[in-house]
């Protein structure tokens, strides 16, 4: 009988927590960047999986009203971003593209003197996750790609950015942290 009472108390406690408001933060800070070489277009194609609240917070913290990022509207705030909602702020994609440009720096060749420009393709929002898609400009196949990915390092000191590279006969997976935000991928085109 005591076991049944303990079970019912646990069950009711669990059910009551379902009715309370969920926290807006999560316990770990992680994003995943997948870079794939597309030989037919000579581009690096990237898919980045992030927590939606993290990218919203990063855009808000970035102060896009600074002169070099000024838009026609005021600085974004949590009330008007609304990722994935029909009422999403109209400049959200531009703010994401700017954030990617500032925090995902890539260079080709040796030494690292040829910067890659990223083109933001779009995003998909699935509840608490957002998938960001971007692509490099067409480049010749180099044997070395250096990537610095500082996404969300300004927000979370425990942020980890997992980066995977895929190219013909070559792949690499690295974990980037604030103390070591850069990796180099050597591959055979």
N, C-alpha and C. Protein backbone atom coordinates (compact mmCIF):
# COMPACT_ATOMS: atom_id res chain seq x y z
N UNK A 1 0.82 -1.19 0.00
CA UNK A 1 0.00 0.00 0.00
C UNK A 1 0.87 1.27 0.00
N UNK A 2 1.95 1.25 0.80
CA UNK A 2 2.85 2.39 0.85
C UNK A 2 3.46 2.66 -0.52
N UNK A 3 3.81 1.60 -1.22
CA UNK A 3 4.38 1.74 -2.56
C UNK A 3 3.38 2.40 -3.51
N UNK A 4 2.12 2.04 -3.41
CA UNK A 4 1.08 2.64 -4.25
C UNK A 4 0.92 4.12 -3.93
N UNK A 5 0.98 4.50 -2.66
CA UNK A 5 0.86 5.90 -2.27
C UNK A 5 2.03 6.72 -2.82
N UNK A 6 3.23 6.16 -2.71
CA UNK A 6 4.41 6.87 -3.22
C UNK A 6 4.28 7.05 -4.73
N UNK A 7 3.82 6.01 -5.42
CA UNK A 7 3.63 6.08 -6.86
C UNK A 7 2.61 7.17 -7.23
N UNK A 8 1.48 7.21 -6.54
CA UNK A 8 0.44 8.21 -6.83
C UNK A 8 0.92 9.63 -6.54
N UNK A 9 1.66 9.81 -5.48
CA UNK A 9 2.19 11.14 -5.17
C UNK A 9 3.16 11.57 -6.26
N UNK A 10 4.03 10.65 -6.70
CA UNK A 10 4.98 10.97 -7.77
C UNK A 10 4.25 11.30 -9.06
N UNK A 11 3.23 10.53 -9.36
CA UNK A 11 2.45 10.75 -10.58
C UNK A 11 1.76 12.11 -10.54
N UNK A 12 1.13 12.43 -9.44
CA UNK A 12 0.43 13.71 -9.32
C UNK A 12 1.41 14.88 -9.36
N UNK A 13 2.57 14.74 -8.76
CA UNK A 13 3.59 15.80 -8.82
C UNK A 13 4.03 16.02 -10.25
N UNK A 14 4.23 14.94 -10.98
CA UNK A 14 4.64 15.06 -12.38
C UNK A 14 3.57 15.71 -13.22
N UNK A 15 2.32 15.34 -12.99
CA UNK A 15 1.22 15.94 -13.76
C UNK A 15 1.05 17.41 -13.42
N UNK A 16 1.23 17.78 -12.17
CA UNK A 16 1.07 19.20 -11.83
C UNK A 16 2.17 20.04 -12.45
N UNK A 17 3.34 19.46 -12.66
CA UNK A 17 4.41 20.24 -13.30
C UNK A 17 4.11 20.49 -14.76
N UNK A 18 3.26 19.69 -15.36
CA UNK A 18 2.89 19.92 -16.76
C UNK A 18 2.06 21.17 -16.94
N UNK A 19 1.35 21.57 -15.91
CA UNK A 19 0.49 22.74 -16.04
C UNK A 19 1.22 24.03 -15.72
N UNK A 20 2.40 23.94 -15.12
CA UNK A 20 3.14 25.16 -14.84
C UNK A 20 3.89 25.58 -16.08
N UNK A 21 4.26 26.83 -16.11
CA UNK A 21 4.97 27.38 -17.27
C UNK A 21 6.36 26.79 -17.37
N UNK A 22 6.75 26.37 -18.56
CA UNK A 22 8.08 25.80 -18.77
C UNK A 22 9.12 26.91 -18.75
N UNK A 23 10.32 26.61 -18.26
CA UNK A 23 11.36 27.64 -18.26
C UNK A 23 11.77 27.99 -19.68
N UNK A 24 12.19 29.23 -19.88
CA UNK A 24 12.57 29.67 -21.21
C UNK A 24 14.05 29.42 -21.50
N UNK A 25 14.78 28.85 -20.54
CA UNK A 25 16.18 28.57 -20.76
C UNK A 25 16.40 27.07 -20.67
N UNK A 26 17.50 26.60 -21.21
CA UNK A 26 17.85 25.19 -21.13
C UNK A 26 19.19 25.06 -20.40
N UNK A 27 19.47 23.84 -19.96
CA UNK A 27 20.63 23.61 -19.09
C UNK A 27 21.96 23.56 -19.83
N UNK A 28 21.95 23.23 -21.09
CA UNK A 28 23.22 23.16 -21.81
C UNK A 28 23.15 24.04 -23.05
N UNK A 29 24.30 24.47 -23.50
CA UNK A 29 24.38 25.43 -24.60
C UNK A 29 25.21 24.82 -25.71
N UNK A 30 24.53 24.46 -26.78
CA UNK A 30 25.13 23.66 -27.84
C UNK A 30 24.50 24.03 -29.18
N UNK A 31 25.32 24.04 -30.21
CA UNK A 31 24.78 24.11 -31.57
C UNK A 31 25.62 23.20 -32.45
N UNK A 32 25.06 22.84 -33.57
CA UNK A 32 25.74 21.93 -34.49
C UNK A 32 25.80 22.57 -35.87
N UNK A 33 27.00 22.64 -36.41
CA UNK A 33 27.22 23.20 -37.74
C UNK A 33 27.73 22.07 -38.63
N UNK A 34 26.99 21.77 -39.69
CA UNK A 34 27.40 20.74 -40.65
C UNK A 34 27.77 21.43 -41.96
N UNK A 35 29.02 21.23 -42.38
CA UNK A 35 29.51 21.80 -43.63
C UNK A 35 29.74 20.67 -44.63
N UNK A 36 29.11 20.78 -45.78
CA UNK A 36 29.23 19.76 -46.82
C UNK A 36 29.74 20.40 -48.10
N UNK A 37 30.76 19.79 -48.70
CA UNK A 37 31.29 20.27 -49.96
C UNK A 37 30.40 19.77 -51.09
N UNK A 38 29.92 20.69 -51.92
CA UNK A 38 29.11 20.34 -53.09
C UNK A 38 29.98 20.57 -54.32
N UNK A 39 30.48 19.49 -54.90
CA UNK A 39 31.40 19.59 -56.04
C UNK A 39 30.71 20.17 -57.27
N UNK A 40 29.42 19.92 -57.43
CA UNK A 40 28.74 20.42 -58.64
C UNK A 40 28.58 21.93 -58.64
N UNK A 41 28.50 22.55 -57.44
CA UNK A 41 28.38 24.01 -57.37
C UNK A 41 29.66 24.67 -56.86
N UNK A 42 30.64 23.86 -56.47
CA UNK A 42 31.89 24.36 -55.87
C UNK A 42 31.63 25.26 -54.67
N UNK A 43 30.73 24.82 -53.81
CA UNK A 43 30.38 25.60 -52.62
C UNK A 43 30.39 24.72 -51.39
N UNK A 44 30.62 25.36 -50.25
CA UNK A 44 30.38 24.74 -48.96
C UNK A 44 28.96 25.06 -48.57
N UNK A 45 28.17 24.04 -48.27
CA UNK A 45 26.78 24.23 -47.85
C UNK A 45 26.67 23.88 -46.38
N UNK A 46 26.08 24.77 -45.62
CA UNK A 46 26.05 24.62 -44.16
C UNK A 46 24.62 24.54 -43.65
N UNK A 47 24.43 23.64 -42.70
CA UNK A 47 23.21 23.56 -41.93
C UNK A 47 23.61 23.71 -40.48
N UNK A 48 23.00 24.66 -39.80
CA UNK A 48 23.32 24.91 -38.40
C UNK A 48 22.06 24.73 -37.58
N UNK A 49 22.15 23.86 -36.59
CA UNK A 49 21.01 23.60 -35.70
C UNK A 49 21.27 24.32 -34.39
N UNK A 50 20.35 25.22 -34.02
CA UNK A 50 20.50 26.03 -32.81
C UNK A 50 19.20 25.99 -32.01
N UNK A 51 19.30 26.31 -30.74
CA UNK A 51 18.09 26.50 -29.95
C UNK A 51 17.49 27.85 -30.34
N UNK A 52 16.19 27.86 -30.57
CA UNK A 52 15.51 29.07 -31.02
C UNK A 52 15.70 30.22 -30.04
N UNK A 53 15.58 29.95 -28.74
CA UNK A 53 15.75 31.04 -27.78
C UNK A 53 17.18 31.58 -27.77
N UNK A 54 18.17 30.74 -28.12
CA UNK A 54 19.55 31.22 -28.17
C UNK A 54 19.76 32.19 -29.34
N UNK A 55 19.26 31.86 -30.51
CA UNK A 55 19.45 32.75 -31.66
C UNK A 55 18.66 34.05 -31.46
N UNK A 56 17.48 33.95 -30.86
CA UNK A 56 16.74 35.17 -30.56
C UNK A 56 17.51 36.05 -29.58
N UNK A 57 18.06 35.43 -28.53
CA UNK A 57 18.82 36.20 -27.54
C UNK A 57 20.08 36.81 -28.16
N UNK A 58 20.72 36.07 -29.05
CA UNK A 58 21.94 36.58 -29.70
C UNK A 58 21.63 37.79 -30.57
N UNK A 59 20.53 37.74 -31.30
CA UNK A 59 20.14 38.87 -32.15
C UNK A 59 19.82 40.08 -31.28
N UNK A 60 19.13 39.85 -30.17
CA UNK A 60 18.79 40.95 -29.29
C UNK A 60 20.04 41.57 -28.67
N UNK A 61 21.00 40.73 -28.30
CA UNK A 61 22.22 41.22 -27.66
C UNK A 61 23.19 41.88 -28.64
N UNK A 62 23.03 41.61 -29.93
CA UNK A 62 23.99 42.09 -30.92
C UNK A 62 23.87 43.57 -31.22
N UNK A 63 22.78 44.21 -30.82
CA UNK A 63 22.57 45.63 -31.05
C UNK A 63 22.72 45.99 -32.53
N UNK A 64 21.82 45.49 -33.33
CA UNK A 64 21.86 45.73 -34.76
C UNK A 64 21.48 47.15 -35.15
N UNK A 65 21.27 48.02 -34.15
CA UNK A 65 21.03 49.42 -34.49
C UNK A 65 22.33 50.21 -34.53
N UNK A 66 23.47 49.53 -34.29
CA UNK A 66 24.75 50.21 -34.44
C UNK A 66 24.87 50.68 -35.89
N UNK A 67 25.56 51.77 -36.16
CA UNK A 67 25.57 52.34 -37.51
C UNK A 67 25.90 51.34 -38.62
N UNK A 68 26.83 50.41 -38.37
CA UNK A 68 27.19 49.48 -39.44
C UNK A 68 26.12 48.41 -39.69
N UNK A 69 25.14 48.28 -38.80
CA UNK A 69 24.08 47.29 -38.97
C UNK A 69 22.69 47.93 -38.98
N UNK A 70 22.62 49.24 -39.06
CA UNK A 70 21.36 49.93 -38.91
C UNK A 70 20.35 49.50 -39.97
N UNK A 71 19.15 49.28 -39.55
CA UNK A 71 18.05 48.94 -40.45
C UNK A 71 17.01 50.04 -40.35
N UNK A 72 15.94 49.88 -41.06
CA UNK A 72 14.90 50.91 -41.03
C UNK A 72 14.07 50.85 -39.76
N UNK A 73 14.18 49.76 -39.01
CA UNK A 73 13.38 49.60 -37.80
C UNK A 73 14.27 49.68 -36.57
N UNK A 74 13.65 49.79 -35.44
CA UNK A 74 14.38 49.85 -34.18
C UNK A 74 15.01 48.50 -33.85
N UNK A 75 15.84 48.47 -32.84
CA UNK A 75 16.51 47.25 -32.40
C UNK A 75 15.46 46.19 -32.06
N UNK A 76 15.74 44.92 -32.39
CA UNK A 76 14.76 43.88 -32.10
C UNK A 76 14.61 43.65 -30.60
N UNK A 77 13.42 43.26 -30.20
CA UNK A 77 13.24 42.86 -28.82
C UNK A 77 12.42 41.57 -28.81
N UNK A 78 12.38 40.91 -27.67
CA UNK A 78 11.75 39.59 -27.58
C UNK A 78 10.29 39.62 -28.02
N UNK A 79 9.61 40.74 -27.82
CA UNK A 79 8.19 40.79 -28.17
C UNK A 79 7.94 40.75 -29.67
N UNK A 80 8.89 41.20 -30.48
CA UNK A 80 8.57 41.27 -31.89
C UNK A 80 9.39 40.36 -32.81
N UNK A 81 10.22 39.46 -32.28
CA UNK A 81 10.94 38.54 -33.15
C UNK A 81 10.03 37.40 -33.62
N UNK A 82 9.43 36.69 -32.68
CA UNK A 82 8.44 35.65 -32.98
C UNK A 82 8.90 34.67 -34.05
N UNK A 83 10.06 34.05 -33.88
CA UNK A 83 10.60 33.10 -34.85
C UNK A 83 9.56 32.04 -35.23
N UNK A 84 9.38 31.84 -36.52
CA UNK A 84 8.50 30.79 -37.02
C UNK A 84 7.02 31.09 -36.94
N UNK A 85 6.67 32.26 -36.45
CA UNK A 85 5.27 32.64 -36.29
C UNK A 85 4.87 33.54 -37.45
N UNK A 86 3.59 33.54 -37.83
CA UNK A 86 3.17 34.47 -38.89
C UNK A 86 3.47 35.93 -38.58
N UNK A 87 3.61 36.25 -37.30
CA UNK A 87 3.92 37.63 -36.92
C UNK A 87 5.42 37.86 -36.73
N UNK A 88 6.24 36.97 -37.27
CA UNK A 88 7.69 37.11 -37.16
C UNK A 88 8.14 38.47 -37.67
N UNK A 89 9.11 39.04 -36.98
CA UNK A 89 9.62 40.34 -37.39
C UNK A 89 10.14 40.27 -38.82
N UNK A 90 9.81 41.23 -39.68
CA UNK A 90 10.19 41.15 -41.09
C UNK A 90 11.69 41.19 -41.36
N UNK A 91 12.49 41.66 -40.41
CA UNK A 91 13.93 41.73 -40.64
C UNK A 91 14.71 40.60 -39.96
N UNK A 92 14.00 39.60 -39.46
CA UNK A 92 14.65 38.50 -38.75
C UNK A 92 15.71 37.83 -39.61
N UNK A 93 15.41 37.51 -40.85
CA UNK A 93 16.38 36.82 -41.70
C UNK A 93 17.63 37.67 -41.94
N UNK A 94 17.46 38.97 -42.10
CA UNK A 94 18.62 39.85 -42.27
C UNK A 94 19.47 39.87 -41.01
N UNK A 95 18.83 39.90 -39.85
CA UNK A 95 19.58 39.89 -38.60
C UNK A 95 20.34 38.57 -38.43
N UNK A 96 19.71 37.45 -38.81
CA UNK A 96 20.40 36.16 -38.73
C UNK A 96 21.60 36.15 -39.67
N UNK A 97 21.42 36.62 -40.90
CA UNK A 97 22.52 36.66 -41.87
C UNK A 97 23.68 37.48 -41.34
N UNK A 98 23.40 38.61 -40.72
CA UNK A 98 24.45 39.46 -40.15
C UNK A 98 25.14 38.74 -39.00
N UNK A 99 24.37 38.09 -38.16
CA UNK A 99 24.95 37.36 -37.03
C UNK A 99 25.87 36.24 -37.53
N UNK A 100 25.44 35.51 -38.56
CA UNK A 100 26.28 34.45 -39.14
C UNK A 100 27.57 35.05 -39.70
N UNK A 101 27.45 36.15 -40.44
CA UNK A 101 28.65 36.80 -41.00
C UNK A 101 29.65 37.20 -39.92
N UNK A 102 29.16 37.63 -38.77
CA UNK A 102 30.04 38.09 -37.70
C UNK A 102 30.62 36.95 -36.87
N UNK A 103 29.94 35.79 -36.87
CA UNK A 103 30.33 34.72 -35.94
C UNK A 103 30.68 33.39 -36.57
N UNK A 104 30.71 33.34 -37.87
CA UNK A 104 31.10 32.11 -38.56
C UNK A 104 32.06 32.51 -39.68
N UNK A 105 33.34 32.62 -39.33
CA UNK A 105 34.35 33.11 -40.25
C UNK A 105 35.12 31.94 -40.83
N UNK A 106 35.24 31.90 -42.14
CA UNK A 106 35.96 30.80 -42.80
C UNK A 106 36.97 31.37 -43.78
N UNK A 107 38.06 30.64 -43.92
CA UNK A 107 39.14 31.02 -44.83
C UNK A 107 39.59 29.78 -45.58
N UNK A 108 39.96 29.97 -46.83
CA UNK A 108 40.46 28.86 -47.63
C UNK A 108 41.93 29.04 -47.92
N UNK A 109 42.61 27.92 -48.09
CA UNK A 109 44.03 27.96 -48.45
C UNK A 109 44.94 28.14 -47.27
N UNK A 110 46.22 28.24 -47.58
CA UNK A 110 47.25 28.44 -46.57
C UNK A 110 48.16 29.54 -47.05
N UNK A 111 48.43 30.57 -46.31
CA UNK A 111 47.87 30.87 -44.99
C UNK A 111 46.41 31.30 -45.11
N UNK A 112 45.79 31.56 -43.97
CA UNK A 112 44.36 31.87 -43.96
C UNK A 112 44.14 33.32 -44.40
N UNK A 113 44.22 33.54 -45.69
CA UNK A 113 44.11 34.90 -46.20
C UNK A 113 42.94 35.09 -47.17
N UNK A 114 42.28 34.03 -47.56
CA UNK A 114 41.17 34.12 -48.50
C UNK A 114 39.85 33.89 -47.78
N UNK A 115 39.18 34.95 -47.34
CA UNK A 115 37.93 34.76 -46.60
C UNK A 115 36.80 34.23 -47.49
N UNK A 116 35.95 33.43 -46.89
CA UNK A 116 34.76 32.93 -47.56
C UNK A 116 33.59 33.83 -47.18
N UNK A 117 32.80 34.21 -48.16
CA UNK A 117 31.57 34.96 -47.89
C UNK A 117 30.42 33.97 -47.86
N UNK A 118 29.57 34.10 -46.85
CA UNK A 118 28.41 33.23 -46.71
C UNK A 118 27.16 33.91 -47.24
N UNK A 119 26.33 33.15 -47.90
CA UNK A 119 25.01 33.60 -48.34
C UNK A 119 23.98 32.89 -47.48
N UNK A 120 23.18 33.66 -46.76
CA UNK A 120 22.13 33.08 -45.93
C UNK A 120 21.01 32.62 -46.85
N UNK A 121 20.64 31.33 -46.78
CA UNK A 121 19.61 30.76 -47.65
C UNK A 121 18.24 30.83 -46.99
N UNK A 122 18.18 30.54 -45.69
CA UNK A 122 16.90 30.58 -45.00
C UNK A 122 16.96 29.82 -43.69
N UNK A 123 15.79 29.60 -43.11
CA UNK A 123 15.69 28.92 -41.82
C UNK A 123 14.41 28.11 -41.75
N UNK A 124 14.41 27.14 -40.87
CA UNK A 124 13.21 26.38 -40.52
C UNK A 124 13.13 26.38 -39.00
N UNK A 125 11.96 26.68 -38.47
CA UNK A 125 11.77 26.71 -37.02
C UNK A 125 10.88 25.53 -36.64
N UNK A 126 11.39 24.69 -35.74
CA UNK A 126 10.63 23.55 -35.23
C UNK A 126 10.60 23.65 -33.71
N UNK A 127 9.61 24.32 -33.18
CA UNK A 127 9.45 24.54 -31.75
C UNK A 127 10.70 25.16 -31.14
N UNK A 128 11.46 24.40 -30.35
CA UNK A 128 12.61 24.99 -29.68
C UNK A 128 13.89 24.93 -30.49
N UNK A 129 13.88 24.31 -31.68
CA UNK A 129 15.05 24.25 -32.54
C UNK A 129 14.83 25.06 -33.81
N UNK A 130 15.90 25.70 -34.26
CA UNK A 130 15.87 26.41 -35.54
C UNK A 130 17.04 25.92 -36.38
N UNK A 131 16.76 25.62 -37.63
CA UNK A 131 17.78 25.19 -38.58
C UNK A 131 18.09 26.38 -39.49
N UNK A 132 19.36 26.75 -39.54
CA UNK A 132 19.82 27.86 -40.36
C UNK A 132 20.59 27.28 -41.54
N UNK A 133 20.32 27.79 -42.75
CA UNK A 133 20.98 27.28 -43.95
C UNK A 133 21.75 28.41 -44.61
N UNK A 134 23.02 28.17 -44.88
CA UNK A 134 23.82 29.15 -45.60
C UNK A 134 24.83 28.42 -46.48
N UNK A 135 25.39 29.16 -47.42
CA UNK A 135 26.26 28.56 -48.43
C UNK A 135 27.36 29.54 -48.78
N UNK A 136 28.54 29.00 -49.08
CA UNK A 136 29.65 29.86 -49.49
C UNK A 136 29.43 30.32 -50.93
N UNK A 137 30.16 31.36 -51.31
CA UNK A 137 30.19 31.71 -52.72
C UNK A 137 30.94 30.59 -53.43
N UNK A 138 30.78 30.41 -54.75
CA UNK A 138 31.55 29.38 -55.45
C UNK A 138 33.06 29.65 -55.31
N UNK A 139 33.77 28.62 -54.96
CA UNK A 139 35.21 28.72 -54.76
C UNK A 139 35.88 27.50 -55.39
N UNK A 140 37.14 27.62 -55.78
CA UNK A 140 37.84 26.44 -56.25
C UNK A 140 38.06 25.48 -55.08
N UNK A 141 38.12 24.19 -55.35
CA UNK A 141 38.33 23.24 -54.24
C UNK A 141 39.74 23.37 -53.67
N UNK A 142 39.81 23.81 -52.45
CA UNK A 142 41.09 23.94 -51.75
C UNK A 142 41.27 22.74 -50.84
N UNK A 143 42.48 22.49 -50.48
CA UNK A 143 42.77 21.36 -49.60
C UNK A 143 42.69 21.73 -48.13
N UNK A 144 42.43 22.97 -47.83
CA UNK A 144 42.38 23.41 -46.44
C UNK A 144 41.27 24.44 -46.26
N UNK A 145 40.47 24.23 -45.22
CA UNK A 145 39.43 25.18 -44.83
C UNK A 145 39.60 25.43 -43.34
N UNK A 146 39.73 26.69 -42.96
CA UNK A 146 39.83 27.06 -41.55
C UNK A 146 38.54 27.77 -41.17
N UNK A 147 37.95 27.33 -40.07
CA UNK A 147 36.66 27.87 -39.63
C UNK A 147 36.77 28.32 -38.19
N UNK A 148 36.32 29.54 -37.94
CA UNK A 148 36.15 30.06 -36.58
C UNK A 148 34.66 30.25 -36.38
N UNK A 149 34.10 29.52 -35.42
CA UNK A 149 32.66 29.59 -35.14
C UNK A 149 32.46 30.02 -33.70
N UNK A 150 32.07 31.27 -33.52
CA UNK A 150 31.88 31.84 -32.18
C UNK A 150 30.41 32.05 -31.84
N UNK A 151 29.53 31.31 -32.49
CA UNK A 151 28.10 31.44 -32.23
C UNK A 151 27.80 31.27 -30.74
N UNK A 152 27.16 32.25 -30.15
CA UNK A 152 26.66 32.26 -28.78
C UNK A 152 27.74 32.32 -27.71
N UNK A 153 29.01 32.43 -28.08
CA UNK A 153 30.06 32.55 -27.07
C UNK A 153 29.88 33.82 -26.25
N UNK A 154 29.29 34.86 -26.85
CA UNK A 154 29.07 36.10 -26.12
C UNK A 154 27.97 35.96 -25.07
N UNK A 155 27.16 34.91 -25.17
CA UNK A 155 26.05 34.71 -24.26
C UNK A 155 26.34 33.70 -23.15
N UNK A 156 27.04 32.61 -23.51
CA UNK A 156 27.20 31.49 -22.59
C UNK A 156 28.66 31.05 -22.52
N UNK A 157 29.22 31.04 -21.33
CA UNK A 157 30.62 30.63 -21.21
C UNK A 157 30.79 29.13 -21.37
N UNK A 158 29.70 28.35 -21.27
CA UNK A 158 29.80 26.90 -21.46
C UNK A 158 29.32 26.46 -22.86
N UNK A 159 29.17 27.40 -23.78
CA UNK A 159 28.71 27.09 -25.14
C UNK A 159 29.70 26.15 -25.85
N UNK A 160 29.15 25.15 -26.55
CA UNK A 160 29.93 24.24 -27.38
C UNK A 160 29.32 24.26 -28.77
N UNK A 161 30.17 24.47 -29.77
CA UNK A 161 29.73 24.43 -31.17
C UNK A 161 30.38 23.22 -31.83
N UNK A 162 29.57 22.23 -32.13
CA UNK A 162 30.07 21.04 -32.82
C UNK A 162 30.10 21.35 -34.32
N UNK A 163 31.24 21.11 -34.95
CA UNK A 163 31.40 21.37 -36.38
C UNK A 163 31.76 20.05 -37.04
N UNK A 164 31.03 19.71 -38.11
CA UNK A 164 31.39 18.54 -38.92
C UNK A 164 31.62 19.00 -40.35
N UNK A 165 32.67 18.47 -40.94
CA UNK A 165 33.00 18.74 -42.34
C UNK A 165 32.83 17.45 -43.11
N UNK A 166 32.22 17.54 -44.29
CA UNK A 166 32.06 16.40 -45.18
C UNK A 166 32.54 16.80 -46.56
N UNK A 167 33.50 16.04 -47.08
CA UNK A 167 34.00 16.23 -48.43
C UNK A 167 34.32 14.84 -48.96
N UNK A 168 34.51 14.69 -50.28
CA UNK A 168 34.80 13.37 -50.81
C UNK A 168 36.00 12.74 -50.10
N UNK A 169 35.78 11.55 -49.58
CA UNK A 169 36.82 10.77 -48.91
C UNK A 169 37.41 11.44 -47.68
N UNK A 170 36.79 12.46 -47.15
CA UNK A 170 37.31 13.16 -45.98
C UNK A 170 36.17 13.63 -45.10
N UNK A 171 36.38 13.54 -43.81
CA UNK A 171 35.44 14.12 -42.86
C UNK A 171 36.15 14.41 -41.55
N UNK A 172 35.58 15.35 -40.81
CA UNK A 172 36.16 15.75 -39.54
C UNK A 172 35.03 16.25 -38.65
N UNK A 173 35.16 15.96 -37.37
CA UNK A 173 34.21 16.48 -36.38
C UNK A 173 35.03 17.10 -35.27
N UNK A 174 34.71 18.34 -34.95
CA UNK A 174 35.42 19.09 -33.90
C UNK A 174 34.41 19.74 -32.97
N UNK A 175 34.83 19.95 -31.73
CA UNK A 175 34.04 20.68 -30.76
C UNK A 175 34.77 21.98 -30.48
N UNK A 176 34.11 23.10 -30.78
CA UNK A 176 34.70 24.41 -30.57
C UNK A 176 34.12 25.03 -29.30
N UNK A 177 35.00 25.63 -28.52
CA UNK A 177 34.62 26.26 -27.26
C UNK A 177 35.23 27.66 -27.23
N UNK A 178 34.81 28.52 -26.32
CA UNK A 178 35.35 29.88 -26.31
C UNK A 178 36.87 29.94 -26.25
N UNK A 179 37.51 29.02 -25.55
CA UNK A 179 38.97 29.03 -25.46
C UNK A 179 39.64 28.49 -26.73
N UNK A 180 38.90 27.76 -27.55
CA UNK A 180 39.44 27.19 -28.79
C UNK A 180 38.35 27.24 -29.86
N UNK A 181 38.12 28.43 -30.44
CA UNK A 181 36.99 28.62 -31.36
C UNK A 181 37.29 28.30 -32.83
N UNK A 182 38.48 27.78 -33.13
CA UNK A 182 38.88 27.62 -34.52
C UNK A 182 39.31 26.18 -34.80
N UNK A 183 39.03 25.72 -36.03
CA UNK A 183 39.48 24.41 -36.47
C UNK A 183 39.89 24.51 -37.94
N UNK A 184 40.73 23.57 -38.36
CA UNK A 184 41.16 23.51 -39.75
C UNK A 184 40.87 22.13 -40.30
N UNK A 185 40.30 22.11 -41.48
CA UNK A 185 39.93 20.87 -42.16
C UNK A 185 40.79 20.72 -43.40
N UNK A 186 41.65 19.69 -43.41
CA UNK A 186 42.48 19.37 -44.58
C UNK A 186 41.78 18.24 -45.33
N UNK A 187 41.64 18.40 -46.63
CA UNK A 187 40.91 17.40 -47.41
C UNK A 187 41.45 17.34 -48.84
N UNK A 188 41.10 16.27 -49.51
CA UNK A 188 41.54 16.07 -50.89
C UNK A 188 40.35 16.30 -51.83
N UNK A 189 40.43 17.31 -52.68
CA UNK A 189 39.32 17.56 -53.61
C UNK A 189 39.23 16.49 -54.70
